[in-house]
């Protein structure tokens, strides 16, 4: 009888142990959802792991990435929302998931971006960290630009051009965007300041250009920081 009780206790302990080590919840292992499933980024690892581990091989520039954003014609509430978006940008850049998505992004069956300026994925990632805008060309690891608010009843979310240091944001969309969506648009427009472009009209390759594809990455990974 004593032997039987001892055997039953051992089986009970084994069951508890297996349960504790049986893996995380479905939330921890589920991949990040995206509203742009056609964007190929080649990433197969879950995006929910967003904080670099102590053994992270991320370059120091990813962890020290800074922003210098001058907000023009903002209300107090708009400034608060934009500051949250800027903070999301810095947090996303400092993740392994962001680097992995850029390095593994594919277009036309190859690891590359459309309209990549002749750069490899690794060179594009490094250019983001260098943050040398075309108008000043200083590699200062800092997103430098101004942002102006305006309203237009159009389908344009925002715009800029190579001769100015600021971007324009349409409040028609800004007002309804979540901060991570604002962050994605901010990064899209800032990538134009680094010299990257895309087709002016809707084409099959435009979503795979550097501004669009990387902007989507910032937006989608940014959901983790809301």
Protein backbone atom coordinates (compact mmCIF):
# COMPACT_ATOMS: atom_id res chain seq x y z
CA UNK A 1 0.00 0.00 0.00
CA UNK A 2 2.80 2.40 0.89
CA UNK A 3 4.57 1.57 -2.38
CA UNK A 4 1.37 2.29 -4.33
CA UNK A 5 0.91 5.67 -2.60
CA UNK A 6 4.53 6.59 -3.30
CA UNK A 7 4.10 5.67 -6.98
CA UNK A 8 0.94 7.79 -7.27
CA UNK A 9 2.69 10.79 -5.71
CA UNK A 10 5.60 10.52 -8.17
CA UNK A 11 3.21 10.42 -11.14
CA UNK A 12 1.40 13.49 -9.82
CA UNK A 13 4.66 15.46 -9.51
CA UNK A 14 5.70 14.50 -13.05
CA UNK A 15 2.38 15.78 -14.43
CA UNK A 16 2.77 19.19 -12.71
CA UNK A 17 6.34 19.54 -13.96
CA UNK A 18 5.39 18.82 -17.60
CA UNK A 19 2.57 21.35 -17.38
CA UNK A 20 4.89 24.15 -16.21
CA UNK A 21 7.39 23.51 -18.96
CA UNK A 22 4.86 23.03 -21.70
CA UNK A 23 5.47 26.36 -23.47
CA UNK A 24 3.89 29.81 -23.45
CA UNK A 25 0.35 30.88 -24.15
CA UNK A 26 -1.03 31.27 -27.66
CA UNK A 27 -0.70 35.03 -27.24
CA UNK A 28 3.05 34.81 -26.70
CA UNK A 29 3.64 32.59 -29.71
CA UNK A 30 1.15 34.09 -32.15
CA UNK A 31 2.67 36.12 -35.02
CA UNK A 32 1.80 39.80 -35.32
CA UNK A 33 -1.30 40.38 -37.43
CA UNK A 34 -1.04 42.80 -40.34
CA UNK A 35 -3.50 44.49 -42.65
CA UNK A 36 -1.03 44.19 -45.53
CA UNK A 37 -0.52 40.41 -45.89
CA UNK A 38 0.74 40.84 -49.44
CA UNK A 39 3.90 42.53 -48.19
CA UNK A 40 6.63 39.91 -48.28
CA UNK A 41 9.16 40.41 -45.52
CA UNK A 42 10.54 36.90 -45.20
CA UNK A 43 10.21 36.93 -41.43
CA UNK A 44 9.03 33.67 -39.92
CA UNK A 45 9.82 34.30 -36.26
CA UNK A 46 7.05 35.79 -34.06
CA UNK A 47 7.07 39.58 -33.80
CA UNK A 48 5.80 39.51 -30.24
CA UNK A 49 9.37 39.33 -28.92
CA UNK A 50 10.20 43.01 -29.05
CA UNK A 51 12.78 43.64 -26.34
CA UNK A 52 16.42 42.84 -27.18
CA UNK A 53 17.89 40.22 -24.89
CA UNK A 54 21.08 40.82 -22.97
CA UNK A 55 22.87 38.72 -25.59
CA UNK A 56 21.37 40.73 -28.48
CA UNK A 57 23.65 41.26 -31.45
CA UNK A 58 21.89 44.48 -32.43
CA UNK A 59 24.31 47.24 -33.39
CA UNK A 60 24.73 49.99 -30.84
CA UNK A 61 23.21 52.48 -33.30
CA UNK A 62 19.87 50.64 -33.14
CA UNK A 63 19.73 51.03 -29.38
CA UNK A 64 20.90 54.66 -29.40
CA UNK A 65 18.70 55.83 -32.32
CA UNK A 66 17.44 59.35 -31.55
CA UNK A 67 14.86 61.75 -32.92
CA UNK A 68 14.87 65.52 -33.39
CA UNK A 69 11.37 66.33 -34.62
CA UNK A 70 10.24 69.96 -34.81
CA UNK A 71 6.42 70.14 -34.70
CA UNK A 72 4.88 73.11 -36.50
CA UNK A 73 1.24 74.27 -36.32
CA UNK A 74 0.30 71.57 -33.78
CA UNK A 75 -2.41 71.74 -31.16
CA UNK A 76 -1.58 70.41 -27.70
CA UNK A 77 -3.48 67.17 -28.32
CA UNK A 78 -1.83 66.68 -31.70
CA UNK A 79 1.59 67.19 -30.17
CA UNK A 80 0.85 64.63 -27.46
CA UNK A 81 -0.20 62.06 -30.05
CA UNK A 82 2.80 62.75 -32.27
CA UNK A 83 5.21 62.48 -29.36
CA UNK A 84 3.78 59.02 -28.68
CA UNK A 85 4.33 58.11 -32.34
CA UNK A 86 7.92 59.35 -32.23
CA UNK A 87 8.53 57.30 -29.11
CA UNK A 88 7.16 54.22 -30.90
CA UNK A 89 9.62 54.78 -33.75
CA UNK A 90 12.58 54.71 -31.37
CA UNK A 91 11.33 51.60 -29.62
CA UNK A 92 10.72 49.70 -32.85
CA UNK A 93 14.14 50.57 -34.30
CA UNK A 94 15.68 49.10 -31.13
CA UNK A 95 14.18 45.62 -31.77
CA UNK A 96 15.55 42.48 -33.33
CA UNK A 97 12.25 42.08 -35.18
CA UNK A 98 12.74 45.34 -37.09
CA UNK A 99 16.24 44.41 -38.24
CA UNK A 100 15.11 40.91 -39.21
CA UNK A 101 12.23 42.24 -41.27
CA UNK A 102 14.45 44.61 -43.23
CA UNK A 103 17.23 42.10 -43.82
CA UNK A 104 14.79 39.39 -44.94
CA UNK A 105 12.43 41.54 -46.99
CA UNK A 106 11.80 40.01 -50.41
CA UNK A 107 10.57 41.34 -53.70
CA UNK A 108 10.46 39.59 -57.06
CA UNK A 109 11.76 36.38 -55.48
CA UNK A 110 14.93 37.95 -54.05
CA UNK A 111 15.95 39.51 -50.75
CA UNK A 112 15.64 43.09 -51.88
CA UNK A 113 13.35 46.11 -51.97
CA UNK A 114 11.82 47.69 -55.03
CA UNK A 115 13.27 51.14 -55.79
CA UNK A 116 16.14 50.42 -53.41
CA UNK A 117 18.58 53.00 -54.77
CA UNK A 118 21.01 50.21 -55.66
CA UNK A 119 21.39 49.22 -52.00
CA UNK A 120 21.21 45.78 -50.44
CA UNK A 121 18.86 45.13 -47.54
CA UNK A 122 21.78 45.35 -45.13
CA UNK A 123 22.85 48.70 -46.59
CA UNK A 124 19.29 50.03 -46.30
CA UNK A 125 19.16 49.00 -42.65
CA UNK A 126 22.50 50.70 -42.01
CA UNK A 127 21.32 53.86 -43.76
CA UNK A 128 18.37 54.00 -41.35
CA UNK A 129 20.75 53.80 -38.39
CA UNK A 130 23.15 56.36 -39.90
CA UNK A 131 20.18 58.68 -40.47
CA UNK A 132 22.00 60.98 -42.89
CA UNK A 133 19.25 63.01 -44.53
CA UNK A 134 19.98 64.05 -48.10
CA UNK A 135 19.93 67.77 -47.29
CA UNK A 136 22.61 67.58 -44.58
CA UNK A 137 24.32 64.21 -45.16
CA UNK A 138 25.49 64.00 -41.55
CA UNK A 139 25.53 60.49 -40.08
CA UNK A 140 24.33 61.43 -36.63
CA UNK A 141 22.11 58.42 -35.77
CA UNK A 142 19.21 60.89 -35.42
CA UNK A 143 15.96 61.37 -37.31
CA UNK A 144 16.06 65.12 -38.05
CA UNK A 145 13.03 66.76 -39.61
CA UNK A 146 10.11 69.09 -39.13
CA UNK A 147 6.43 68.18 -39.30
CA UNK A 148 3.60 70.49 -40.40
CA UNK A 149 -0.11 69.86 -40.06
CA UNK A 150 -2.60 70.73 -42.79
CA UNK A 151 -6.03 69.63 -43.92
CA UNK A 152 -7.09 68.49 -47.38
CA UNK A 153 -10.09 66.44 -48.46
CA UNK A 154 -7.97 64.10 -50.57
CA UNK A 155 -6.58 60.58 -50.37
CA UNK A 156 -3.08 61.89 -49.57
CA UNK A 157 -2.01 61.02 -46.01
CA UNK A 158 1.09 63.19 -46.13
CA UNK A 159 3.74 64.49 -48.46
CA UNK A 160 7.17 66.06 -48.78
CA UNK A 161 9.70 66.87 -51.49
CA UNK A 162 13.50 66.74 -51.72
CA UNK A 163 14.00 70.50 -51.35
CA UNK A 164 12.46 70.89 -47.88
CA UNK A 165 13.47 69.57 -44.47
CA UNK A 166 9.94 68.95 -43.23
CA UNK A 167 7.00 66.68 -43.99
CA UNK A 168 3.32 67.58 -44.25
CA UNK A 169 0.66 65.53 -42.44
CA UNK A 170 -3.00 65.61 -43.43
CA UNK A 171 -5.17 65.89 -40.31
CA UNK A 172 -7.98 64.13 -42.18
CA UNK A 173 -6.07 60.91 -41.53
CA UNK A 174 -3.94 61.90 -38.56
CA UNK A 175 -7.01 62.50 -36.40
CA UNK A 176 -8.30 58.95 -36.94
CA UNK A 177 -4.93 57.16 -36.89
CA UNK A 178 -3.62 55.27 -33.88
CA UNK A 179 -0.12 56.36 -32.76
CA UNK A 180 1.52 53.33 -34.42
CA UNK A 181 -0.10 54.30 -37.74
CA UNK A 182 1.18 57.85 -37.29
CA UNK A 183 4.63 56.36 -36.60
CA UNK A 184 4.46 54.36 -39.82
CA UNK A 185 3.58 57.43 -41.86
CA UNK A 186 6.29 59.47 -40.14
CA UNK A 187 8.90 56.85 -41.01
CA UNK A 188 7.63 56.55 -44.59
CA UNK A 189 8.03 60.28 -45.16
CA UNK A 190 11.37 60.41 -43.35
CA UNK A 191 12.73 57.66 -45.63
CA UNK A 192 12.15 60.06 -48.52
CA UNK A 193 14.55 62.38 -46.68
CA UNK A 194 17.14 59.60 -46.85
CA UNK A 195 16.75 59.55 -50.63
CA UNK A 196 14.37 56.63 -51.12
CA UNK A 197 11.43 56.94 -53.50
CA UNK A 198 8.51 55.00 -54.94
CA UNK A 199 6.10 55.11 -57.87
CA UNK A 200 3.83 58.15 -57.69
CA UNK A 201 0.77 56.13 -58.70
CA UNK A 202 -0.51 52.77 -57.48
CA UNK A 203 1.56 49.94 -59.00
CA UNK A 204 2.24 46.32 -58.12
CA UNK A 205 5.74 47.10 -56.88
CA UNK A 206 5.04 50.27 -54.90
CA UNK A 207 4.22 48.45 -51.60
CA UNK A 208 7.67 46.81 -51.81
CA UNK A 209 9.55 50.12 -52.06
CA UNK A 210 11.65 51.20 -49.08
CA UNK A 211 9.28 53.96 -47.83
CA UNK A 212 6.16 51.82 -48.05
CA UNK A 213 7.54 48.48 -46.89
CA UNK A 214 9.59 49.84 -43.97
CA UNK A 215 6.77 52.20 -43.02
CA UNK A 216 4.48 49.17 -42.76
CA UNK A 217 7.05 47.45 -40.54
CA UNK A 218 7.14 50.41 -38.14
CA UNK A 219 3.33 50.56 -38.10
CA UNK A 220 2.81 46.84 -37.47
CA UNK A 221 5.61 46.33 -34.94
CA UNK A 222 4.49 49.54 -33.27
CA UNK A 223 1.26 47.83 -32.17
CA UNK A 224 3.34 46.15 -29.48
CA UNK A 225 3.99 49.54 -27.84
CA UNK A 226 0.45 50.93 -27.69
